[in-house]
mmCIF file of all heavy atoms, coordinates in Angstrom:
data_MODEL
# 
_entry.id   MODEL 
# 
loop_
_atom_site.group_PDB 
_atom_site.id 
_atom_site.type_symbol 
_atom_site.label_atom_id 
_atom_site.label_alt_id 
_atom_site.label_comp_id 
_atom_site.label_asym_id 
_atom_site.label_entity_id 
_atom_site.label_seq_id 
_atom_site.pdbx_PDB_ins_code 
_atom_site.Cartn_x 
_atom_site.Cartn_y 
_atom_site.Cartn_z 
_atom_site.occupancy 
_atom_site.B_iso_or_equiv 
_atom_site.pdbx_formal_charge 
_atom_site.auth_seq_id 
_atom_site.auth_comp_id 
_atom_site.auth_asym_id 
_atom_site.auth_atom_id 
_atom_site.pdbx_PDB_model_num 
ATOM 1   N N   . GLY A 1 1  ? -29.905 -19.459 52.371 1.00 0.00 ? 1  GLY A N   1 
ATOM 2   C CA  . GLY A 1 1  ? -30.802 -18.678 53.141 1.00 0.00 ? 1  GLY A CA  1 
ATOM 3   C C   . GLY A 1 1  ? -32.224 -18.971 53.151 1.00 0.00 ? 1  GLY A C   1 
ATOM 4   O O   . GLY A 1 1  ? -33.061 -18.338 53.779 1.00 0.00 ? 1  GLY A O   1 
ATOM 5   N N   . THR A 1 2  ? -32.686 -19.852 52.287 1.00 0.00 ? 2  THR A N   1 
ATOM 6   C CA  . THR A 1 2  ? -34.052 -20.355 52.152 1.00 0.00 ? 2  THR A CA  1 
ATOM 7   C C   . THR A 1 2  ? -34.055 -21.777 51.770 1.00 0.00 ? 2  THR A C   1 
ATOM 8   O O   . THR A 1 2  ? -33.234 -22.224 50.863 1.00 0.00 ? 2  THR A O   1 
ATOM 9   C CB  . THR A 1 2  ? -34.738 -19.486 51.148 1.00 0.00 ? 2  THR A CB  1 
ATOM 10  O OG1 . THR A 1 2  ? -36.106 -20.110 50.902 1.00 0.00 ? 2  THR A OG1 1 
ATOM 11  C CG2 . THR A 1 2  ? -34.058 -19.334 49.856 1.00 0.00 ? 2  THR A CG2 1 
ATOM 12  N N   . PRO A 1 3  ? -34.969 -22.610 52.288 1.00 0.00 ? 3  PRO A N   1 
ATOM 13  C CA  . PRO A 1 3  ? -35.032 -23.997 51.911 1.00 0.00 ? 3  PRO A CA  1 
ATOM 14  C C   . PRO A 1 3  ? -35.463 -24.227 50.503 1.00 0.00 ? 3  PRO A C   1 
ATOM 15  O O   . PRO A 1 3  ? -35.357 -25.412 49.981 1.00 0.00 ? 3  PRO A O   1 
ATOM 16  C CB  . PRO A 1 3  ? -36.036 -24.670 52.968 1.00 0.00 ? 3  PRO A CB  1 
ATOM 17  C CG  . PRO A 1 3  ? -36.864 -23.441 53.393 1.00 0.00 ? 3  PRO A CG  1 
ATOM 18  C CD  . PRO A 1 3  ? -36.037 -22.235 53.331 1.00 0.00 ? 3  PRO A CD  1 
ATOM 19  N N   . PHE A 1 4  ? -36.025 -23.264 49.772 1.00 0.00 ? 4  PHE A N   1 
ATOM 20  C CA  . PHE A 1 4  ? -36.595 -23.416 48.469 1.00 0.00 ? 4  PHE A CA  1 
ATOM 21  C C   . PHE A 1 4  ? -35.667 -22.847 47.367 1.00 0.00 ? 4  PHE A C   1 
ATOM 22  O O   . PHE A 1 4  ? -36.024 -22.871 46.257 1.00 0.00 ? 4  PHE A O   1 
ATOM 23  C CB  . PHE A 1 4  ? -38.005 -22.826 48.433 1.00 0.00 ? 4  PHE A CB  1 
ATOM 24  C CG  . PHE A 1 4  ? -38.898 -23.410 49.459 1.00 0.00 ? 4  PHE A CG  1 
ATOM 25  C CD1 . PHE A 1 4  ? -39.294 -22.592 50.489 1.00 0.00 ? 4  PHE A CD1 1 
ATOM 26  C CD2 . PHE A 1 4  ? -39.275 -24.716 49.340 1.00 0.00 ? 4  PHE A CD2 1 
ATOM 27  C CE1 . PHE A 1 4  ? -40.124 -23.164 51.481 1.00 0.00 ? 4  PHE A CE1 1 
ATOM 28  C CE2 . PHE A 1 4  ? -40.163 -25.258 50.330 1.00 0.00 ? 4  PHE A CE2 1 
ATOM 29  C CZ  . PHE A 1 4  ? -40.549 -24.449 51.428 1.00 0.00 ? 4  PHE A CZ  1 
ATOM 30  N N   . GLU A 1 5  ? -34.510 -22.322 47.787 1.00 0.00 ? 5  GLU A N   1 
ATOM 31  C CA  . GLU A 1 5  ? -33.541 -21.885 46.754 1.00 0.00 ? 5  GLU A CA  1 
ATOM 32  C C   . GLU A 1 5  ? -32.701 -23.023 46.318 1.00 0.00 ? 5  GLU A C   1 
ATOM 33  O O   . GLU A 1 5  ? -32.101 -23.700 47.101 1.00 0.00 ? 5  GLU A O   1 
ATOM 34  C CB  . GLU A 1 5  ? -32.684 -20.705 47.360 1.00 0.00 ? 5  GLU A CB  1 
ATOM 35  C CG  . GLU A 1 5  ? -31.288 -20.460 46.570 1.00 0.00 ? 5  GLU A CG  1 
ATOM 36  C CD  . GLU A 1 5  ? -31.544 -19.823 45.232 1.00 0.00 ? 5  GLU A CD  1 
ATOM 37  O OE1 . GLU A 1 5  ? -32.562 -19.217 45.059 1.00 0.00 ? 5  GLU A OE1 1 
ATOM 38  O OE2 . GLU A 1 5  ? -30.706 -20.036 44.390 1.00 0.00 ? 5  GLU A OE2 1 
ATOM 39  N N   . GLN A 1 6  ? -32.663 -23.253 45.028 1.00 0.00 ? 6  GLN A N   1 
ATOM 40  C CA  . GLN A 1 6  ? -31.831 -24.365 44.513 1.00 0.00 ? 6  GLN A CA  1 
ATOM 41  C C   . GLN A 1 6  ? -30.616 -23.741 43.879 1.00 0.00 ? 6  GLN A C   1 
ATOM 42  O O   . GLN A 1 6  ? -30.595 -22.618 43.402 1.00 0.00 ? 6  GLN A O   1 
ATOM 43  C CB  . GLN A 1 6  ? -32.600 -25.146 43.435 1.00 0.00 ? 6  GLN A CB  1 
ATOM 44  C CG  . GLN A 1 6  ? -33.907 -25.731 43.969 1.00 0.00 ? 6  GLN A CG  1 
ATOM 45  C CD  . GLN A 1 6  ? -33.631 -26.737 45.116 1.00 0.00 ? 6  GLN A CD  1 
ATOM 46  O OE1 . GLN A 1 6  ? -32.934 -27.693 44.935 1.00 0.00 ? 6  GLN A OE1 1 
ATOM 47  N NE2 . GLN A 1 6  ? -34.220 -26.441 46.280 1.00 0.00 ? 6  GLN A NE2 1 
ATOM 48  N N   . GLY A 1 7  ? -29.527 -24.436 43.939 1.00 0.00 ? 7  GLY A N   1 
ATOM 49  C CA  . GLY A 1 7  ? -28.204 -23.866 43.462 1.00 0.00 ? 7  GLY A CA  1 
ATOM 50  C C   . GLY A 1 7  ? -28.091 -23.659 42.019 1.00 0.00 ? 7  GLY A C   1 
ATOM 51  O O   . GLY A 1 7  ? -27.224 -22.907 41.641 1.00 0.00 ? 7  GLY A O   1 
ATOM 52  N N   . TYR A 1 8  ? -28.997 -24.132 41.191 1.00 0.00 ? 8  TYR A N   1 
ATOM 53  C CA  . TYR A 1 8  ? -28.834 -24.059 39.750 1.00 0.00 ? 8  TYR A CA  1 
ATOM 54  C C   . TYR A 1 8  ? -29.057 -22.575 39.203 1.00 0.00 ? 8  TYR A C   1 
ATOM 55  O O   . TYR A 1 8  ? -28.660 -22.298 38.065 1.00 0.00 ? 8  TYR A O   1 
ATOM 56  C CB  . TYR A 1 8  ? -29.868 -24.965 38.982 1.00 0.00 ? 8  TYR A CB  1 
ATOM 57  C CG  . TYR A 1 8  ? -29.512 -26.425 39.178 1.00 0.00 ? 8  TYR A CG  1 
ATOM 58  C CD1 . TYR A 1 8  ? -30.258 -27.233 39.977 1.00 0.00 ? 8  TYR A CD1 1 
ATOM 59  C CD2 . TYR A 1 8  ? -28.438 -27.004 38.461 1.00 0.00 ? 8  TYR A CD2 1 
ATOM 60  C CE1 . TYR A 1 8  ? -30.073 -28.584 40.047 1.00 0.00 ? 8  TYR A CE1 1 
ATOM 61  C CE2 . TYR A 1 8  ? -28.148 -28.349 38.580 1.00 0.00 ? 8  TYR A CE2 1 
ATOM 62  C CZ  . TYR A 1 8  ? -28.945 -29.140 39.368 1.00 0.00 ? 8  TYR A CZ  1 
ATOM 63  O OH  . TYR A 1 8  ? -28.661 -30.434 39.462 1.00 0.00 ? 8  TYR A OH  1 
ATOM 64  N N   . GLY A 1 9  ? -29.775 -21.813 39.999 1.00 0.00 ? 9  GLY A N   1 
ATOM 65  C CA  . GLY A 1 9  ? -30.111 -20.474 39.541 1.00 0.00 ? 9  GLY A CA  1 
ATOM 66  C C   . GLY A 1 9  ? -31.395 -20.489 38.709 1.00 0.00 ? 9  GLY A C   1 
ATOM 67  O O   . GLY A 1 9  ? -32.140 -21.471 38.697 1.00 0.00 ? 9  GLY A O   1 
ATOM 68  N N   . SER A 1 10 ? -31.649 -19.460 37.918 1.00 0.00 ? 10 SER A N   1 
ATOM 69  C CA  . SER A 1 10 ? -32.813 -19.314 37.175 1.00 0.00 ? 10 SER A CA  1 
ATOM 70  C C   . SER A 1 10 ? -32.652 -19.986 35.785 1.00 0.00 ? 10 SER A C   1 
ATOM 71  O O   . SER A 1 10 ? -32.470 -19.274 34.740 1.00 0.00 ? 10 SER A O   1 
ATOM 72  C CB  . SER A 1 10 ? -33.255 -17.852 36.991 1.00 0.00 ? 10 SER A CB  1 
ATOM 73  O OG  . SER A 1 10 ? -33.413 -17.299 38.264 1.00 0.00 ? 10 SER A OG  1 
ATOM 74  N N   . LYS A 1 11 ? -32.645 -21.311 35.712 1.00 0.00 ? 11 LYS A N   1 
ATOM 75  C CA  . LYS A 1 11 ? -32.457 -22.003 34.481 1.00 0.00 ? 11 LYS A CA  1 
ATOM 76  C C   . LYS A 1 11 ? -33.554 -21.708 33.480 1.00 0.00 ? 11 LYS A C   1 
ATOM 77  O O   . LYS A 1 11 ? -34.746 -21.626 33.876 1.00 0.00 ? 11 LYS A O   1 
ATOM 78  C CB  . LYS A 1 11 ? -32.304 -23.480 34.693 1.00 0.00 ? 11 LYS A CB  1 
ATOM 79  C CG  . LYS A 1 11 ? -31.043 -23.884 35.358 1.00 0.00 ? 11 LYS A CG  1 
ATOM 80  C CD  . LYS A 1 11 ? -29.881 -23.747 34.457 1.00 0.00 ? 11 LYS A CD  1 
ATOM 81  C CE  . LYS A 1 11 ? -28.563 -24.319 35.019 1.00 0.00 ? 11 LYS A CE  1 
ATOM 82  N NZ  . LYS A 1 11 ? -27.522 -24.187 34.091 1.00 0.00 ? 11 LYS A NZ  1 
ATOM 83  N N   . PRO A 1 12 ? -33.208 -21.479 32.170 1.00 0.00 ? 12 PRO A N   1 
ATOM 84  C CA  . PRO A 1 12 ? -34.243 -21.135 31.207 1.00 0.00 ? 12 PRO A CA  1 
ATOM 85  C C   . PRO A 1 12 ? -35.038 -22.326 30.715 1.00 0.00 ? 12 PRO A C   1 
ATOM 86  O O   . PRO A 1 12 ? -34.503 -23.366 30.210 1.00 0.00 ? 12 PRO A O   1 
ATOM 87  C CB  . PRO A 1 12 ? -33.414 -20.583 30.076 1.00 0.00 ? 12 PRO A CB  1 
ATOM 88  C CG  . PRO A 1 12 ? -32.082 -21.239 30.224 1.00 0.00 ? 12 PRO A CG  1 
ATOM 89  C CD  . PRO A 1 12 ? -31.847 -21.443 31.597 1.00 0.00 ? 12 PRO A CD  1 
ATOM 90  N N   . PHE A 1 13 ? -36.359 -22.308 30.854 1.00 0.00 ? 13 PHE A N   1 
ATOM 91  C CA  . PHE A 1 13 ? -37.348 -23.279 30.308 1.00 0.00 ? 13 PHE A CA  1 
ATOM 92  C C   . PHE A 1 13 ? -38.269 -22.586 29.394 1.00 0.00 ? 13 PHE A C   1 
ATOM 93  O O   . PHE A 1 13 ? -38.676 -21.483 29.655 1.00 0.00 ? 13 PHE A O   1 
ATOM 94  C CB  . PHE A 1 13 ? -38.062 -24.018 31.460 1.00 0.00 ? 13 PHE A CB  1 
ATOM 95  C CG  . PHE A 1 13 ? -37.210 -24.906 32.257 1.00 0.00 ? 13 PHE A CG  1 
ATOM 96  C CD1 . PHE A 1 13 ? -36.488 -24.397 33.295 1.00 0.00 ? 13 PHE A CD1 1 
ATOM 97  C CD2 . PHE A 1 13 ? -37.109 -26.249 31.979 1.00 0.00 ? 13 PHE A CD2 1 
ATOM 98  C CE1 . PHE A 1 13 ? -35.721 -25.263 34.101 1.00 0.00 ? 13 PHE A CE1 1 
ATOM 99  C CE2 . PHE A 1 13 ? -36.340 -27.112 32.757 1.00 0.00 ? 13 PHE A CE2 1 
ATOM 100 C CZ  . PHE A 1 13 ? -35.576 -26.585 33.826 1.00 0.00 ? 13 PHE A CZ  1 
ATOM 101 N N   . ASP A 1 14 ? -38.624 -23.338 28.282 1.00 0.00 ? 14 ASP A N   1 
ATOM 102 C CA  . ASP A 1 14 ? -39.470 -22.745 27.282 1.00 0.00 ? 14 ASP A CA  1 
ATOM 103 C C   . ASP A 1 14 ? -40.399 -23.782 26.715 1.00 0.00 ? 14 ASP A C   1 
ATOM 104 O O   . ASP A 1 14 ? -39.936 -24.697 26.001 1.00 0.00 ? 14 ASP A O   1 
ATOM 105 C CB  . ASP A 1 14 ? -38.671 -22.017 26.169 1.00 0.00 ? 14 ASP A CB  1 
ATOM 106 C CG  . ASP A 1 14 ? -39.472 -21.417 25.135 1.00 0.00 ? 14 ASP A CG  1 
ATOM 107 O OD1 . ASP A 1 14 ? -40.635 -21.227 25.348 1.00 0.00 ? 14 ASP A OD1 1 
ATOM 108 O OD2 . ASP A 1 14 ? -38.919 -20.963 24.064 1.00 0.00 ? 14 ASP A OD2 1 
ATOM 109 N N   . ILE A 1 15 ? -41.713 -23.618 26.890 1.00 0.00 ? 15 ILE A N   1 
ATOM 110 C CA  . ILE A 1 15 ? -42.724 -24.590 26.554 1.00 0.00 ? 15 ILE A CA  1 
ATOM 111 C C   . ILE A 1 15 ? -42.747 -24.602 24.925 1.00 0.00 ? 15 ILE A C   1 
ATOM 112 O O   . ILE A 1 15 ? -42.804 -25.777 24.383 1.00 0.00 ? 15 ILE A O   1 
ATOM 113 C CB  . ILE A 1 15 ? -44.088 -24.306 26.972 1.00 0.00 ? 15 ILE A CB  1 
ATOM 114 C CG1 . ILE A 1 15 ? -44.034 -24.494 28.532 1.00 0.00 ? 15 ILE A CG1 1 
ATOM 115 C CG2 . ILE A 1 15 ? -45.107 -25.196 26.381 1.00 0.00 ? 15 ILE A CG2 1 
ATOM 116 C CD1 . ILE A 1 15 ? -45.373 -24.156 29.187 1.00 0.00 ? 15 ILE A CD1 1 
ATOM 117 N N   . ALA A 1 16 ? -42.514 -23.465 24.334 1.00 0.00 ? 16 ALA A N   1 
ATOM 118 C CA  . ALA A 1 16 ? -42.440 -23.430 22.842 1.00 0.00 ? 16 ALA A CA  1 
ATOM 119 C C   . ALA A 1 16 ? -41.423 -24.270 22.199 1.00 0.00 ? 16 ALA A C   1 
ATOM 120 O O   . ALA A 1 16 ? -41.581 -24.646 21.044 1.00 0.00 ? 16 ALA A O   1 
ATOM 121 C CB  . ALA A 1 16 ? -42.353 -21.969 22.399 1.00 0.00 ? 16 ALA A CB  1 
ATOM 122 N N   . SER A 1 17 ? -40.344 -24.500 22.846 1.00 0.00 ? 17 SER A N   1 
ATOM 123 C CA  . SER A 1 17 ? -39.169 -25.250 22.328 1.00 0.00 ? 17 SER A CA  1 
ATOM 124 C C   . SER A 1 17 ? -39.442 -26.803 22.458 1.00 0.00 ? 17 SER A C   1 
ATOM 125 O O   . SER A 1 17 ? -38.536 -27.538 21.930 1.00 0.00 ? 17 SER A O   1 
ATOM 126 C CB  . SER A 1 17 ? -37.866 -24.884 23.049 1.00 0.00 ? 17 SER A CB  1 
ATOM 127 O OG  . SER A 1 17 ? -37.879 -25.318 24.348 1.00 0.00 ? 17 SER A OG  1 
ATOM 128 N N   . ILE A 1 18 ? -40.452 -27.259 23.051 1.00 0.00 ? 18 ILE A N   1 
ATOM 129 C CA  . ILE A 1 18 ? -40.626 -28.667 23.384 1.00 0.00 ? 18 ILE A CA  1 
ATOM 130 C C   . ILE A 1 18 ? -40.677 -29.575 22.091 1.00 0.00 ? 18 ILE A C   1 
ATOM 131 O O   . ILE A 1 18 ? -39.910 -30.563 22.063 1.00 0.00 ? 18 ILE A O   1 
ATOM 132 C CB  . ILE A 1 18 ? -41.919 -28.891 24.169 1.00 0.00 ? 18 ILE A CB  1 
ATOM 133 C CG1 . ILE A 1 18 ? -41.724 -28.445 25.649 1.00 0.00 ? 18 ILE A CG1 1 
ATOM 134 C CG2 . ILE A 1 18 ? -42.312 -30.359 24.168 1.00 0.00 ? 18 ILE A CG2 1 
ATOM 135 C CD1 . ILE A 1 18 ? -42.869 -28.678 26.544 1.00 0.00 ? 18 ILE A CD1 1 
ATOM 136 N N   . PRO A 1 19 ? -41.351 -29.246 20.967 1.00 0.00 ? 19 PRO A N   1 
ATOM 137 C CA  . PRO A 1 19 ? -41.361 -30.141 19.848 1.00 0.00 ? 19 PRO A CA  1 
ATOM 138 C C   . PRO A 1 19 ? -39.978 -30.389 19.291 1.00 0.00 ? 19 PRO A C   1 
ATOM 139 O O   . PRO A 1 19 ? -39.557 -31.527 19.020 1.00 0.00 ? 19 PRO A O   1 
ATOM 140 C CB  . PRO A 1 19 ? -42.280 -29.447 18.928 1.00 0.00 ? 19 PRO A CB  1 
ATOM 141 C CG  . PRO A 1 19 ? -43.239 -28.621 19.721 1.00 0.00 ? 19 PRO A CG  1 
ATOM 142 C CD  . PRO A 1 19 ? -42.325 -28.124 20.894 1.00 0.00 ? 19 PRO A CD  1 
ATOM 143 N N   . ALA A 1 20 ? -39.186 -29.352 19.132 1.00 0.00 ? 20 ALA A N   1 
ATOM 144 C CA  . ALA A 1 20 ? -37.819 -29.470 18.518 1.00 0.00 ? 20 ALA A CA  1 
ATOM 145 C C   . ALA A 1 20 ? -36.911 -30.258 19.485 1.00 0.00 ? 20 ALA A C   1 
ATOM 146 O O   . ALA A 1 20 ? -36.132 -31.113 19.060 1.00 0.00 ? 20 ALA A O   1 
ATOM 147 C CB  . ALA A 1 20 ? -37.313 -28.107 18.184 1.00 0.00 ? 20 ALA A CB  1 
ATOM 148 N N   . ALA A 1 21 ? -37.023 -29.924 20.707 1.00 0.00 ? 21 ALA A N   1 
ATOM 149 C CA  . ALA A 1 21 ? -36.207 -30.562 21.760 1.00 0.00 ? 21 ALA A CA  1 
ATOM 150 C C   . ALA A 1 21 ? -36.539 -32.000 21.890 1.00 0.00 ? 21 ALA A C   1 
ATOM 151 O O   . ALA A 1 21 ? -35.707 -32.885 22.137 1.00 0.00 ? 21 ALA A O   1 
ATOM 152 C CB  . ALA A 1 21 ? -36.186 -29.833 23.050 1.00 0.00 ? 21 ALA A CB  1 
ATOM 153 N N   . LEU A 1 22 ? -37.833 -32.297 21.838 1.00 0.00 ? 22 LEU A N   1 
ATOM 154 C CA  . LEU A 1 22 ? -38.256 -33.713 21.854 1.00 0.00 ? 22 LEU A CA  1 
ATOM 155 C C   . LEU A 1 22 ? -37.660 -34.493 20.780 1.00 0.00 ? 22 LEU A C   1 
ATOM 156 O O   . LEU A 1 22 ? -37.139 -35.686 21.025 1.00 0.00 ? 22 LEU A O   1 
ATOM 157 C CB  . LEU A 1 22 ? -39.797 -33.823 21.726 1.00 0.00 ? 22 LEU A CB  1 
ATOM 158 C CG  . LEU A 1 22 ? -40.572 -33.797 23.058 1.00 0.00 ? 22 LEU A CG  1 
ATOM 159 C CD1 . LEU A 1 22 ? -42.104 -33.884 22.704 1.00 0.00 ? 22 LEU A CD1 1 
ATOM 160 C CD2 . LEU A 1 22 ? -40.192 -34.877 23.930 1.00 0.00 ? 22 LEU A CD2 1 
ATOM 161 N N   . ALA A 1 23 ? -37.666 -33.952 19.635 1.00 0.00 ? 23 ALA A N   1 
ATOM 162 C CA  . ALA A 1 23 ? -36.982 -34.678 18.463 1.00 0.00 ? 23 ALA A CA  1 
ATOM 163 C C   . ALA A 1 23 ? -35.510 -34.838 18.735 1.00 0.00 ? 23 ALA A C   1 
ATOM 164 O O   . ALA A 1 23 ? -34.883 -35.868 18.431 1.00 0.00 ? 23 ALA A O   1 
ATOM 165 C CB  . ALA A 1 23 ? -37.209 -33.882 17.209 1.00 0.00 ? 23 ALA A CB  1 
ATOM 166 N N   . GLY A 1 24 ? -34.925 -33.768 19.311 1.00 0.00 ? 24 GLY A N   1 
ATOM 167 C CA  . GLY A 1 24 ? -33.439 -33.909 19.635 1.00 0.00 ? 24 GLY A CA  1 
ATOM 168 C C   . GLY A 1 24 ? -33.145 -35.004 20.691 1.00 0.00 ? 24 GLY A C   1 
ATOM 169 O O   . GLY A 1 24 ? -32.225 -35.735 20.496 1.00 0.00 ? 24 GLY A O   1 
ATOM 170 N N   . LEU A 1 25 ? -33.979 -35.061 21.782 1.00 0.00 ? 25 LEU A N   1 
ATOM 171 C CA  . LEU A 1 25 ? -33.741 -36.011 22.730 1.00 0.00 ? 25 LEU A CA  1 
ATOM 172 C C   . LEU A 1 25 ? -33.927 -37.456 22.275 1.00 0.00 ? 25 LEU A C   1 
ATOM 173 O O   . LEU A 1 25 ? -33.326 -38.394 22.817 1.00 0.00 ? 25 LEU A O   1 
ATOM 174 C CB  . LEU A 1 25 ? -34.703 -35.721 23.942 1.00 0.00 ? 25 LEU A CB  1 
ATOM 175 C CG  . LEU A 1 25 ? -34.350 -34.504 24.806 1.00 0.00 ? 25 LEU A CG  1 
ATOM 176 C CD1 . LEU A 1 25 ? -35.530 -34.125 25.714 1.00 0.00 ? 25 LEU A CD1 1 
ATOM 177 C CD2 . LEU A 1 25 ? -33.146 -34.830 25.654 1.00 0.00 ? 25 LEU A CD2 1 
ATOM 178 N N   . LEU A 1 26 ? -34.856 -37.598 21.238 1.00 0.00 ? 26 LEU A N   1 
ATOM 179 C CA  . LEU A 1 26 ? -35.262 -38.962 20.928 1.00 0.00 ? 26 LEU A CA  1 
ATOM 180 C C   . LEU A 1 26 ? -34.519 -39.460 19.645 1.00 0.00 ? 26 LEU A C   1 
ATOM 181 O O   . LEU A 1 26 ? -34.146 -40.644 19.531 1.00 0.00 ? 26 LEU A O   1 
ATOM 182 C CB  . LEU A 1 26 ? -36.699 -39.126 20.688 1.00 0.00 ? 26 LEU A CB  1 
ATOM 183 C CG  . LEU A 1 26 ? -37.538 -38.860 22.011 1.00 0.00 ? 26 LEU A CG  1 
ATOM 184 C CD1 . LEU A 1 26 ? -38.992 -38.887 21.637 1.00 0.00 ? 26 LEU A CD1 1 
ATOM 185 C CD2 . LEU A 1 26 ? -37.250 -39.846 23.065 1.00 0.00 ? 26 LEU A CD2 1 
ATOM 186 N N   . VAL A 1 27 ? -34.322 -38.589 18.635 1.00 0.00 ? 27 VAL A N   1 
ATOM 187 C CA  . VAL A 1 27 ? -33.856 -39.129 17.367 1.00 0.00 ? 27 VAL A CA  1 
ATOM 188 C C   . VAL A 1 27 ? -32.762 -38.253 16.701 1.00 0.00 ? 27 VAL A C   1 
ATOM 189 O O   . VAL A 1 27 ? -32.270 -38.512 15.589 1.00 0.00 ? 27 VAL A O   1 
ATOM 190 C CB  . VAL A 1 27 ? -34.993 -39.145 16.403 1.00 0.00 ? 27 VAL A CB  1 
ATOM 191 C CG1 . VAL A 1 27 ? -36.032 -40.212 16.759 1.00 0.00 ? 27 VAL A CG1 1 
ATOM 192 C CG2 . VAL A 1 27 ? -35.704 -37.863 16.064 1.00 0.00 ? 27 VAL A CG2 1 
ATOM 193 N N   . SER A 1 28 ? -32.226 -37.232 17.394 1.00 0.00 ? 28 SER A N   1 
ATOM 194 C CA  . SER A 1 28 ? -31.075 -36.475 16.841 1.00 0.00 ? 28 SER A CA  1 
ATOM 195 C C   . SER A 1 28 ? -29.847 -37.376 16.719 1.00 0.00 ? 28 SER A C   1 
ATOM 196 O O   . SER A 1 28 ? -29.681 -38.306 17.600 1.00 0.00 ? 28 SER A O   1 
ATOM 197 C CB  . SER A 1 28 ? -30.727 -35.289 17.653 1.00 0.00 ? 28 SER A CB  1 
ATOM 198 O OG  . SER A 1 28 ? -30.238 -35.544 18.941 1.00 0.00 ? 28 SER A OG  1 
ATOM 199 N N   . PRO A 1 29 ? -29.036 -37.241 15.681 1.00 0.00 ? 29 PRO A N   1 
ATOM 200 C CA  . PRO A 1 29 ? -27.928 -38.208 15.476 1.00 0.00 ? 29 PRO A CA  1 
ATOM 201 C C   . PRO A 1 29 ? -26.910 -38.249 16.573 1.00 0.00 ? 29 PRO A C   1 
ATOM 202 O O   . PRO A 1 29 ? -26.169 -39.233 16.740 1.00 0.00 ? 29 PRO A O   1 
ATOM 203 C CB  . PRO A 1 29 ? -27.308 -37.713 14.137 1.00 0.00 ? 29 PRO A CB  1 
ATOM 204 C CG  . PRO A 1 29 ? -27.786 -36.248 14.000 1.00 0.00 ? 29 PRO A CG  1 
ATOM 205 C CD  . PRO A 1 29 ? -29.079 -36.218 14.644 1.00 0.00 ? 29 PRO A CD  1 
# 
């Protein structure tokens, strides 16, 4: 019903989690 609605829904993003997630994306086992 709108060109700007994406199918994923309201996915959770959190700037505070960036340092831990960066480590996970780059060097987690």
